[in-house]
C-alpha atoms as a PDB file:
ATOM      1  CA  MET A   1      44.200  71.263 188.131  1.00  0.00           C
ATOM      2  CA  ALA A   2      41.043  69.298 187.267  1.00  0.00           C
ATOM      3  CA  GLY A   3      40.317  71.710 184.379  1.00  0.00           C
ATOM      4  CA  SER A   4      43.828  71.191 183.076  1.00  0.00           C
ATOM      5  CA  ARG A   5      43.437  67.402 183.172  1.00  0.00           C
ATOM      6  CA  LYS A   6      40.079  67.704 181.445  1.00  0.00           C
ATOM      7  CA  ARG A   7      41.614  69.812 178.637  1.00  0.00           C
ATOM      8  CA  MET A   8      44.470  67.339 178.254  1.00  0.00           C
ATOM      9  CA  GLY A   9      41.943  64.518 178.096  1.00  0.00           C
ATOM     10  CA  ALA A  10      40.033  66.348 175.338  1.00  0.00           C
ATOM     11  CA  ILE A  11      43.276  66.917 173.427  1.00  0.00           C
ATOM     12  CA  GLU A  12      44.150  63.235 173.783  1.00  0.00           C
ATOM     13  CA  LYS A  13      40.734  62.308 172.352  1.00  0.00           C
ATOM     14  CA  ILE A  14      41.297  64.594 169.357  1.00  0.00           C
ATOM     15  CA  ILE A  15      44.728  63.047 168.832  1.00  0.00           C
ATOM     16  CA  GLY A  16      43.213  59.569 169.080  1.00  0.00           C
ATOM     17  CA  VAL A  17      40.559  60.333 166.455  1.00  0.00           C
ATOM     18  CA  ILE A  18      43.107  61.790 164.031  1.00  0.00           C
ATOM     19  CA  ASP A  19      45.544  58.915 164.605  1.00  0.00           C
ATOM     20  CA  ARG A  20      42.759  56.410 163.903  1.00  0.00           C
ATOM     21  CA  ILE A  21      41.855  58.239 160.680  1.00  0.00           C
ATOM     22  CA  SER A  22      45.497  58.108 159.564  1.00  0.00           C
ATOM     23  CA  GLU A  23      45.828  54.456 160.567  1.00  0.00           C
ATOM     24  CA  TRP A  24      42.619  53.531 158.771  1.00  0.00           C
ATOM     25  CA  THR A  25      43.477  55.404 155.560  1.00  0.00           C
ATOM     26  CA  GLY A  26      47.008  54.025 155.596  1.00  0.00           C
ATOM     27  CA  ARG A  27      45.760  50.454 155.805  1.00  0.00           C
ATOM     28  CA  ILE A  28      43.244  50.973 153.010  1.00  0.00           C
ATOM     29  CA  VAL A  29      45.636  52.896 150.750  1.00  0.00           C
ATOM     30  CA  SER A  30      48.317  50.224 151.166  1.00  0.00           C
ATOM     31  CA  TRP A  31      46.142  47.972 148.996  1.00  0.00           C
ATOM     32  CA  LEU A  32      46.813  50.312 146.062  1.00  0.00           C
ATOM     33  CA  VAL A  33      50.254  48.697 145.874  1.00  0.00           C
ATOM     34  CA  VAL A  34      48.598  45.383 145.076  1.00  0.00           C
ATOM     35  CA  VAL A  35      46.430  46.976 142.380  1.00  0.00           C
ATOM     36  CA  PHE A  36      49.473  48.843 141.030  1.00  0.00           C
ATOM     37  CA  THR A  37      51.481  45.591 140.888  1.00  0.00           C
ATOM     38  CA  VAL A  38      48.667  43.733 139.117  1.00  0.00           C
ATOM     39  CA  VAL A  39      48.298  46.543 136.535  1.00  0.00           C
ATOM     40  CA  LEU A  40      52.017  46.643 135.793  1.00  0.00           C
ATOM     41  CA  GLY A  41      52.299  42.843 135.815  1.00  0.00           C
ATOM     42  CA  TYR A  42      49.440  42.593 133.329  1.00  0.00           C
ATOM     43  CA  GLU A  43      51.114  45.200 131.115  1.00  0.00           C
ATOM     44  CA  VAL A  44      54.448  43.360 131.168  1.00  0.00           C
ATOM     45  CA  VAL A  45      52.832  40.034 130.268  1.00  0.00           C
ATOM     46  CA  MET A  46      50.718  41.569 127.500  1.00  0.00           C
ATOM     47  CA  ARG A  47      53.610  43.569 126.060  1.00  0.00           C
ATOM     48  CA  TYR A  48      56.365  40.941 126.142  1.00  0.00           C
ATOM     49  CA  ALA A  49      54.527  37.620 126.023  1.00  0.00           C
ATOM     50  CA  PHE A  50      51.789  38.540 123.549  1.00  0.00           C
ATOM     51  CA  ASN A  51      53.239  41.639 121.835  1.00  0.00           C
ATOM     52  CA  ALA A  52      49.981  43.427 122.694  1.00  0.00           C
ATOM     53  CA  PRO A  53      50.711  46.381 124.998  1.00  0.00           C
ATOM     54  CA  THR A  54      47.755  47.994 126.721  1.00  0.00           C
ATOM     55  CA  LYS A  55      46.620  51.530 126.029  1.00  0.00           C
ATOM     56  CA  TRP A  56      45.792  52.267 129.647  1.00  0.00           C
ATOM     57  CA  ALA A  57      48.682  50.918 131.760  1.00  0.00           C
ATOM     58  CA  PHE A  58      50.821  54.070 131.656  1.00  0.00           C
ATOM     59  CA  ASP A  59      48.014  56.331 132.850  1.00  0.00           C
ATOM     60  CA  MET A  60      46.861  53.863 135.475  1.00  0.00           C
ATOM     61  CA  SER A  61      50.388  53.421 136.815  1.00  0.00           C
ATOM     62  CA  TYR A  62      51.017  57.111 137.505  1.00  0.00           C
ATOM     63  CA  MET A  63      47.507  57.620 138.866  1.00  0.00           C
ATOM     64  CA  LEU A  64      47.728  54.623 141.220  1.00  0.00           C
ATOM     65  CA  GLY A  65      51.319  55.393 142.232  1.00  0.00           C
ATOM     66  CA  GLY A  66      50.558  59.064 142.810  1.00  0.00           C
ATOM     67  CA  SER A  67      47.426  58.231 144.790  1.00  0.00           C
ATOM     68  CA  TYR A  68      49.333  55.754 146.940  1.00  0.00           C
ATOM     69  CA  PHE A  69      52.036  58.316 147.625  1.00  0.00           C
ATOM     70  CA  LEU A  70      49.692  61.223 148.386  1.00  0.00           C
ATOM     71  CA  LEU A  71      47.068  59.380 150.409  1.00  0.00           C
ATOM     72  CA  GLY A  72      49.744  57.674 152.496  1.00  0.00           C
ATOM     73  CA  THR A  73      51.522  60.815 153.699  1.00  0.00           C
ATOM     74  CA  GLY A  74      49.402  61.213 156.846  1.00  0.00           C
ATOM     75  CA  TYR A  75      49.943  57.571 157.766  1.00  0.00           C
ATOM     76  CA  THR A  76      53.666  57.951 157.140  1.00  0.00           C
ATOM     77  CA  LEU A  77      53.756  60.964 159.469  1.00  0.00           C
ATOM     78  CA  LEU A  78      51.840  58.993 162.118  1.00  0.00           C
ATOM     79  CA  LYS A  79      54.467  56.238 161.950  1.00  0.00           C
ATOM     80  CA  LYS A  80      57.304  58.818 161.923  1.00  0.00           C
ATOM     81  CA  LYS A  81      58.711  57.420 158.675  1.00  0.00           C
ATOM     82  CA  HIS A  82      59.272  60.680 156.811  1.00  0.00           C
ATOM     83  CA  VAL A  83      62.901  61.534 156.145  1.00  0.00           C
ATOM     84  CA  ARG A  84      64.493  63.399 159.024  1.00  0.00           C
ATOM     85  CA  ILE A  85      68.055  64.578 159.338  1.00  0.00           C
ATOM     86  CA  ASP A  86      68.594  63.980 163.006  1.00  0.00           C
ATOM     87  CA  ILE A  87      72.285  64.518 163.601  1.00  0.00           C
ATOM     88  CA  PHE A  88      71.472  66.868 166.485  1.00  0.00           C
ATOM     89  CA  TYR A  89      67.815  66.004 167.038  1.00  0.00           C
ATOM     90  CA  ALA A  90      68.637  62.476 168.231  1.00  0.00           C
ATOM     91  CA  LEU A  91      70.707  63.977 171.055  1.00  0.00           C
ATOM     92  CA  PHE A  92      67.874  66.191 172.332  1.00  0.00           C
ATOM     93  CA  SER A  93      65.724  65.423 175.357  1.00  0.00           C
ATOM     94  CA  THR A  94      62.076  64.511 174.793  1.00  0.00           C
ATOM     95  CA  ARG A  95      61.018  68.007 175.840  1.00  0.00           C
ATOM     96  CA  LYS A  96      63.507  69.717 173.512  1.00  0.00           C
ATOM     97  CA  LYS A  97      62.430  67.466 170.619  1.00  0.00           C
ATOM     98  CA  ALA A  98      58.815  68.463 171.248  1.00  0.00           C
ATOM     99  CA  LEU A  99      59.752  72.154 171.252  1.00  0.00           C
ATOM    100  CA  VAL A 100      61.791  71.828 168.032  1.00  0.00           C
ATOM    101  CA  ASP A 101      58.957  69.883 166.380  1.00  0.00           C
ATOM    102  CA  MET A 102      56.427  72.563 167.322  1.00  0.00           C
ATOM    103  CA  ILE A 103      58.631  75.387 166.039  1.00  0.00           C
ATOM    104  CA  PHE A 104      59.259  73.636 162.727  1.00  0.00           C
ATOM    105  CA  ASP A 105      55.552  72.800 162.420  1.00  0.00           C
ATOM    106  CA  ILE A 106      54.593  76.447 162.879  1.00  0.00           C
ATOM    107  CA  VAL A 107      57.353  77.892 160.697  1.00  0.00           C
ATOM    108  CA  PHE A 108      57.507  75.337 157.877  1.00  0.00           C
ATOM    109  CA  PHE A 109      55.019  72.459 157.970  1.00  0.00           C
ATOM    110  CA  PHE A 110      51.662  74.203 158.348  1.00  0.00           C
ATOM    111  CA  PRO A 111      52.428  77.201 156.103  1.00  0.00           C
ATOM    112  CA  LEU A 112      53.865  75.040 153.295  1.00  0.00           C
ATOM    113  CA  TRP A 113      51.152  72.383 153.244  1.00  0.00           C
ATOM    114  CA  GLY A 114      48.371  74.874 154.014  1.00  0.00           C
ATOM    115  CA  VAL A 115      49.330  77.077 151.052  1.00  0.00           C
ATOM    116  CA  LEU A 116      49.628  74.025 148.813  1.00  0.00           C
ATOM    117  CA  LEU A 117      46.181  72.779 149.873  1.00  0.00           C
ATOM    118  CA  TYR A 118      44.698  76.236 149.329  1.00  0.00           C
ATOM    119  CA  SER A 119      46.316  76.444 145.877  1.00  0.00           C
ATOM    120  CA  LEU A 120      45.083  73.017 144.834  1.00  0.00           C
ATOM    121  CA  ILE A 121      41.390  73.738 145.416  1.00  0.00           C
ATOM    122  CA  PRO A 122      40.886  75.926 142.289  1.00  0.00           C
ATOM    123  CA  TYR A 123      43.206  73.622 140.309  1.00  0.00           C
ATOM    124  CA  VAL A 124      40.989  70.625 141.092  1.00  0.00           C
ATOM    125  CA  TYR A 125      37.774  72.617 140.687  1.00  0.00           C
ATOM    126  CA  ILE A 126      38.753  73.714 137.168  1.00  0.00           C
ATOM    127  CA  SER A 127      39.673  70.127 136.299  1.00  0.00           C
ATOM    128  CA  TRP A 128      36.163  68.986 137.302  1.00  0.00           C
ATOM    129  CA  ILE A 129      34.445  71.867 135.472  1.00  0.00           C
ATOM    130  CA  MET A 130      36.267  71.258 132.190  1.00  0.00           C
ATOM    131  CA  ASP A 131      36.041  67.451 132.403  1.00  0.00           C
ATOM    132  CA  GLU A 132      39.833  67.358 132.073  1.00  0.00           C
ATOM    133  CA  ARG A 133      41.375  64.377 130.339  1.00  0.00           C
ATOM    134  CA  SER A 134      44.938  63.181 129.968  1.00  0.00           C
ATOM    135  CA  MET A 135      46.578  63.939 126.658  1.00  0.00           C
ATOM    136  CA  GLN A 136      49.530  61.622 127.338  1.00  0.00           C
ATOM    137  CA  GLY A 137      47.805  58.298 126.774  1.00  0.00           C
ATOM    138  CA  TYR A 138      45.797  56.870 123.900  1.00  0.00           C
ATOM    139  CA  TRP A 139      42.572  56.432 125.789  1.00  0.00           C
ATOM    140  CA  MET A 140      42.526  59.944 127.317  1.00  0.00           C
ATOM    141  CA  PRO A 141      41.317  59.025 130.810  1.00  0.00           C
ATOM    142  CA  ILE A 142      39.602  61.566 133.027  1.00  0.00           C
ATOM    143  CA  LEU A 143      42.025  63.346 135.355  1.00  0.00           C
ATOM    144  CA  TYR A 144      39.783  65.063 137.883  1.00  0.00           C
ATOM    145  CA  PRO A 145      39.416  62.053 140.209  1.00  0.00           C
ATOM    146  CA  PHE A 146      43.198  61.725 140.343  1.00  0.00           C
ATOM    147  CA  LYS A 147      43.613  65.470 140.851  1.00  0.00           C
ATOM    148  CA  THR A 148      41.049  65.294 143.679  1.00  0.00           C
ATOM    149  CA  VAL A 149      43.338  62.848 145.463  1.00  0.00           C
ATOM    150  CA  MET A 150      45.961  65.612 145.762  1.00  0.00           C
ATOM    151  CA  PRO A 151      44.102  67.923 148.180  1.00  0.00           C
ATOM    152  CA  VAL A 152      42.622  64.925 150.005  1.00  0.00           C
ATOM    153  CA  GLY A 153      46.120  63.531 150.626  1.00  0.00           C
ATOM    154  CA  ILE A 154      47.425  66.905 151.752  1.00  0.00           C
ATOM    155  CA  PHE A 155      44.413  67.349 154.037  1.00  0.00           C
ATOM    156  CA  LEU A 156      45.133  63.961 155.615  1.00  0.00           C
ATOM    157  CA  LEU A 157      48.761  65.005 156.092  1.00  0.00           C
ATOM    158  CA  LEU A 158      47.716  68.317 157.644  1.00  0.00           C
ATOM    159  CA  ILE A 159      45.302  66.781 160.147  1.00  0.00           C
ATOM    160  CA  GLN A 160      47.974  64.278 161.171  1.00  0.00           C
ATOM    161  CA  GLY A 161      50.301  67.265 161.502  1.00  0.00           C
ATOM    162  CA  VAL A 162      47.788  68.783 163.928  1.00  0.00           C
ATOM    163  CA  ALA A 163      47.845  65.563 165.949  1.00  0.00           C
ATOM    164  CA  GLU A 164      51.648  65.536 166.028  1.00  0.00           C
ATOM    165  CA  PHE A 165      51.688  69.202 167.077  1.00  0.00           C
ATOM    166  CA  LEU A 166      49.228  68.444 169.875  1.00  0.00           C
ATOM    167  CA  LYS A 167      51.344  65.472 170.990  1.00  0.00           C
ATOM    168  CA  SER A 168      54.352  67.783 171.252  1.00  0.00           C
ATOM    169  CA  ALA A 169      52.270  70.339 173.169  1.00  0.00           C
ATOM    170  CA  LEU A 170      51.239  67.627 175.633  1.00  0.00           C
ATOM    171  CA  VAL A 171      54.877  66.605 176.117  1.00  0.00           C
ATOM    172  CA  LEU A 172      55.757  70.210 176.944  1.00  0.00           C
ATOM    173  CA  ALA A 173      52.733  70.602 179.238  1.00  0.00           C
ATOM    174  CA  ARG A 174      53.660  67.438 181.124  1.00  0.00           C
ATOM    175  CA  GLY A 175      57.259  68.485 181.550  1.00  0.00           C
ATOM    176  CA  GLY A 176      58.811  66.074 179.041  1.00  0.00           C
ATOM    177  CA  LYS A 177      56.701  62.991 179.695  1.00  0.00           C
ATOM    178  CA  SER A 178      54.661  61.704 176.717  1.00  0.00           C
END
């Protein structure tokens, strides 16, 4: 019994560390919205008030918006704000919800995001090697920092997924109590 409590305590510590990472990154990444708003506001003023559109606003907007979206996925999972169709799920007991969550994590979540992360590594590596630049904008900004955000965001989502899986495992181990 003492060994079981010790293991559960270790799992709770792991969950706590991952949750703090997600909370911390979510709070920091949320400031990208402010930067994004300032960039777009500047572009609107320059374009319509001074008839002098910027060359960089388009590229900055998709890079900032994409970074905000990708880096915030782990935080969003922590806060349970991802879209869920819970017609039946809402009716389940805590224990049954934990079991369903674990099954879906194993069958869908980890394989999907794990394969995507694995696939992104060479994609980002090649971008760094070739000093990839955007061909959509006038100023041809470098793309590899933005592309690096993709696997980082997915990694953050995956580690939060591990924490959520462990939380469900603890619920099952404790007989339905969180």
